[in-house]
Amino acid sequence: MALRVLFALLPVLSCGFLGWATMLRLAVVTRKPRDWWLLGLNCVLSVAWIALIGADPTPETNGWQGNTGAFGIIITGFLTCVYFLVVDIRHHAARAAAPAAAWYPGQPAPYVPQQQPQRPAYGYPPAQQTPVPAPTPAPAPGPANPPRIGQVRAELDELSELLRKQTPHPQGPRPNPDSPGPDAEGPAR
């Protein structure tokens, strides 16, 4: 994009003297014979306009030759700028819209990482994976507990049994500091 702007402004900023550079860029990019011929024509016209300015016999080059040469070189630069923009934009739009050639490999598919099997959390047995059943037209008899809830219930039952089997603390049960003791009349307000 920046090069397009630079080469489009080159003939305008140089008053048409560097229009050949813009046409050279266009001919190299498009590789069409028409653009190479127009590059040659642009070079010949630029030399002719400068020669016409130089052939002006008046001391301030304000005769018809100087005026015609100056007008010609400015118009050639302007036309070069317009032609460059039109052809360059069409060229890049056509390249973007054209499908890839059959001999050129297409774009590779984006990388999608494989799904790793879910590992159970530390200390838990793996959850049973059940395939999702196909939907049936008959309504289900009732909501069944998911397998994970049943697993959690079983683990909580095991934990409760384990805590019941533990021996009591050697000093006996600890008194709760918030509960009123035999001496206290209740918590302070």
Protein backbone atom coordinates (compact mmCIF):
# COMPACT_ATOMS: atom_id res chain seq x y z
CA MET A 1 0.00 0.00 0.00
CA ALA A 2 2.80 2.41 0.89
CA LEU A 3 4.62 1.62 -2.36
CA ARG A 4 1.45 2.25 -4.35
CA VAL A 5 1.09 5.69 -2.79
CA LEU A 6 4.78 6.48 -3.31
CA PHE A 7 4.80 5.49 -6.96
CA ALA A 8 1.47 7.24 -7.60
CA LEU A 9 2.79 10.51 -6.16
CA LEU A 10 6.22 10.29 -7.80
CA PRO A 11 5.19 11.85 -11.16
CA VAL A 12 3.07 14.50 -9.44
CA LEU A 13 5.74 15.56 -6.92
CA SER A 14 8.46 15.68 -9.59
CA CYS A 15 6.27 17.69 -11.99
CA GLY A 16 6.19 14.74 -14.37
CA PHE A 17 9.95 14.28 -14.69
CA LEU A 18 9.97 10.93 -12.86
CA GLY A 19 6.88 9.47 -14.51
CA TRP A 20 9.10 6.87 -16.16
CA ALA A 21 9.93 5.36 -12.73
CA THR A 22 6.23 4.82 -12.02
CA MET A 23 5.71 3.20 -15.40
CA LEU A 24 8.80 1.01 -14.88
CA ARG A 25 7.34 -0.24 -11.58
CA LEU A 26 4.02 -0.99 -13.26
CA ALA A 27 5.65 -2.84 -16.17
CA VAL A 28 7.74 -4.98 -13.81
CA VAL A 29 4.75 -5.84 -11.61
CA THR A 30 2.20 -6.62 -14.34
CA ARG A 31 4.69 -8.03 -16.94
CA LYS A 32 2.37 -7.05 -19.78
CA PRO A 33 3.76 -5.90 -23.14
CA ARG A 34 1.32 -2.98 -23.18
CA ASP A 35 2.88 -1.55 -19.99
CA TRP A 36 6.39 -1.96 -21.39
CA TRP A 37 5.36 -0.06 -24.54
CA LEU A 38 3.77 2.66 -22.43
CA LEU A 39 7.01 2.90 -20.40
CA GLY A 40 8.93 3.49 -23.62
CA LEU A 41 6.35 6.06 -24.78
CA ASN A 42 6.56 7.83 -21.41
CA CYS A 43 10.36 8.04 -21.67
CA VAL A 44 10.20 9.37 -25.26
CA LEU A 45 7.54 11.95 -24.31
CA SER A 46 9.52 13.12 -21.27
CA VAL A 47 12.66 13.63 -23.38
CA ALA A 48 10.61 15.36 -26.11
CA TRP A 49 8.94 17.75 -23.62
CA ILE A 50 12.28 18.62 -22.00
CA ALA A 51 13.86 19.13 -25.43
CA LEU A 52 10.97 21.42 -26.39
CA ILE A 53 11.50 23.47 -23.22
CA GLY A 54 15.23 23.66 -23.98
CA ALA A 55 14.53 24.76 -27.59
CA ASP A 56 12.66 27.86 -26.47
CA PRO A 57 14.64 30.88 -27.81
CA THR A 58 13.26 33.40 -25.30
CA PRO A 59 15.50 34.29 -22.35
CA GLU A 60 12.86 33.36 -19.74
CA THR A 61 11.56 30.30 -21.62
CA ASN A 62 8.08 31.76 -21.85
CA GLY A 63 7.61 31.21 -25.58
CA TRP A 64 5.27 28.72 -27.13
CA GLN A 65 7.91 25.94 -27.00
CA GLY A 66 8.56 26.40 -23.26
CA ASN A 67 4.86 26.60 -22.44
CA THR A 68 3.98 23.60 -24.59
CA GLY A 69 6.83 21.52 -23.09
CA ALA A 70 5.90 22.44 -19.50
CA PHE A 71 2.22 21.75 -20.12
CA GLY A 72 3.04 18.46 -21.86
CA ILE A 73 5.29 17.18 -19.10
CA ILE A 74 2.75 18.04 -16.38
CA ILE A 75 -0.11 16.37 -18.30
CA THR A 76 2.06 13.30 -18.99
CA GLY A 77 2.87 13.04 -15.28
CA PHE A 78 -0.79 13.37 -14.31
CA LEU A 79 -1.92 10.77 -16.84
CA THR A 80 0.86 8.44 -15.69
CA CYS A 81 -0.36 8.76 -12.09
CA VAL A 82 -3.99 8.00 -12.99
CA TYR A 83 -3.07 5.08 -15.28
CA PHE A 84 -0.77 3.60 -12.64
CA LEU A 85 -3.46 3.67 -9.95
CA VAL A 86 -6.16 2.14 -12.16
CA VAL A 87 -4.00 -0.67 -13.53
CA ASP A 88 -2.21 -1.45 -10.26
CA ILE A 89 -5.46 -1.70 -8.28
CA ARG A 90 -7.05 -3.92 -10.96
CA HIS A 91 -3.95 -6.10 -11.10
CA HIS A 92 -3.87 -6.74 -7.35
CA ALA A 93 -7.65 -7.25 -7.16
CA ALA A 94 -7.49 -9.83 -9.96
CA ARG A 95 -4.62 -11.67 -8.27
CA ALA A 96 -6.53 -11.79 -4.98
CA ALA A 97 -9.70 -13.10 -6.63
CA ALA A 98 -8.02 -15.65 -8.90
CA PRO A 99 -8.10 -19.23 -7.63
CA ALA A 100 -4.82 -21.01 -7.07
CA ALA A 101 -3.42 -22.90 -10.04
CA ALA A 102 -3.92 -26.66 -10.08
CA TRP A 103 -0.18 -27.30 -9.92
CA TYR A 104 0.28 -25.00 -6.94
CA PRO A 105 -0.52 -26.55 -3.56
CA GLY A 106 -3.42 -24.97 -1.75
CA GLN A 107 -3.37 -23.49 1.70
CA PRO A 108 -2.82 -26.09 4.39
CA ALA A 109 -5.62 -26.73 6.81
CA PRO A 110 -5.21 -24.97 10.14
CA TYR A 111 -3.66 -27.04 12.89
CA VAL A 112 -6.23 -28.49 15.25
CA PRO A 113 -4.71 -30.22 18.28
CA GLN A 114 -6.02 -33.65 19.12
CA GLN A 115 -8.22 -33.96 22.16
CA GLN A 116 -6.35 -35.50 25.05
CA PRO A 117 -8.35 -37.91 27.20
CA GLN A 118 -9.54 -36.29 30.38
CA ARG A 119 -7.50 -37.39 33.35
CA PRO A 120 -9.28 -37.72 36.67
CA ALA A 121 -8.42 -35.29 39.41
CA TYR A 122 -5.83 -36.39 41.94
CA GLY A 123 -7.11 -39.18 44.18
CA TYR A 124 -10.37 -39.73 42.34
CA PRO A 125 -11.10 -42.78 40.25
CA PRO A 126 -11.83 -41.99 36.61
CA ALA A 127 -15.42 -41.05 35.87
CA GLN A 128 -17.35 -43.50 33.74
CA GLN A 129 -17.82 -42.11 30.26
CA THR A 130 -21.14 -43.14 28.78
CA PRO A 131 -21.98 -42.47 25.16
CA VAL A 132 -24.80 -40.04 24.59
CA PRO A 133 -27.90 -42.02 23.64
CA ALA A 134 -29.81 -41.11 20.53
CA PRO A 135 -32.92 -39.07 21.27
CA THR A 136 -36.03 -41.20 21.54
CA PRO A 137 -39.52 -39.98 20.80
CA ALA A 138 -40.86 -41.39 24.08
CA PRO A 139 -40.32 -39.19 27.15
CA ALA A 140 -37.75 -40.35 29.66
CA PRO A 141 -39.19 -41.87 32.85
CA GLY A 142 -37.54 -39.26 35.04
CA PRO A 143 -34.32 -37.39 35.53
CA ALA A 144 -31.60 -39.83 36.43
CA ASN A 145 -28.64 -38.73 38.49
CA PRO A 146 -25.54 -38.22 36.43
CA PRO A 147 -22.78 -40.74 37.16
CA ARG A 148 -20.56 -38.08 38.72
CA ILE A 149 -23.12 -37.27 41.43
CA GLY A 150 -23.39 -40.93 42.36
CA GLN A 151 -19.61 -41.15 42.57
CA VAL A 152 -19.43 -38.09 44.83
CA ARG A 153 -22.14 -39.54 47.10
CA ALA A 154 -20.23 -42.81 47.41
CA GLU A 155 -17.03 -40.96 48.28
CA LEU A 156 -18.79 -38.86 50.90
CA ASP A 157 -20.27 -42.01 52.48
CA GLU A 158 -16.80 -43.57 52.63
CA LEU A 159 -15.40 -40.42 54.23
CA SER A 160 -18.21 -40.38 56.81
CA GLU A 161 -17.49 -43.99 57.77
CA LEU A 162 -13.79 -43.28 58.04
CA LEU A 163 -14.39 -40.31 60.35
CA ARG A 164 -16.73 -42.34 62.57
CA LYS A 165 -14.16 -45.11 62.94
CA GLN A 166 -11.41 -42.72 64.07
CA THR A 167 -10.59 -42.83 67.75
CA PRO A 168 -11.59 -39.78 69.79
CA HIS A 169 -9.01 -37.13 70.64
CA PRO A 170 -6.79 -38.20 73.62
CA GLN A 171 -7.91 -35.23 75.76
CA GLY A 172 -11.53 -35.92 75.14
CA PRO A 173 -13.96 -33.75 73.26
CA ARG A 174 -13.05 -30.10 73.14
CA PRO A 175 -15.62 -27.63 74.42
CA ASN A 176 -17.02 -25.23 71.92
CA PRO A 177 -16.00 -21.66 72.89
CA ASP A 178 -19.28 -20.23 71.57
CA SER A 179 -21.53 -22.57 73.54
CA PRO A 180 -22.45 -21.54 77.08
CA GLY A 181 -20.62 -23.53 79.71
CA PRO A 182 -21.88 -24.50 83.21
CA ASP A 183 -20.62 -21.21 84.73
CA ALA A 184 -21.68 -18.87 81.97
CA GLU A 185 -25.07 -17.42 81.49
CA GLY A 186 -24.68 -17.10 77.72
CA PRO A 187 -22.64 -15.20 75.25
CA ALA A 188 -21.88 -11.57 76.00
CA ARG A 189 -23.90 -9.09 74.13
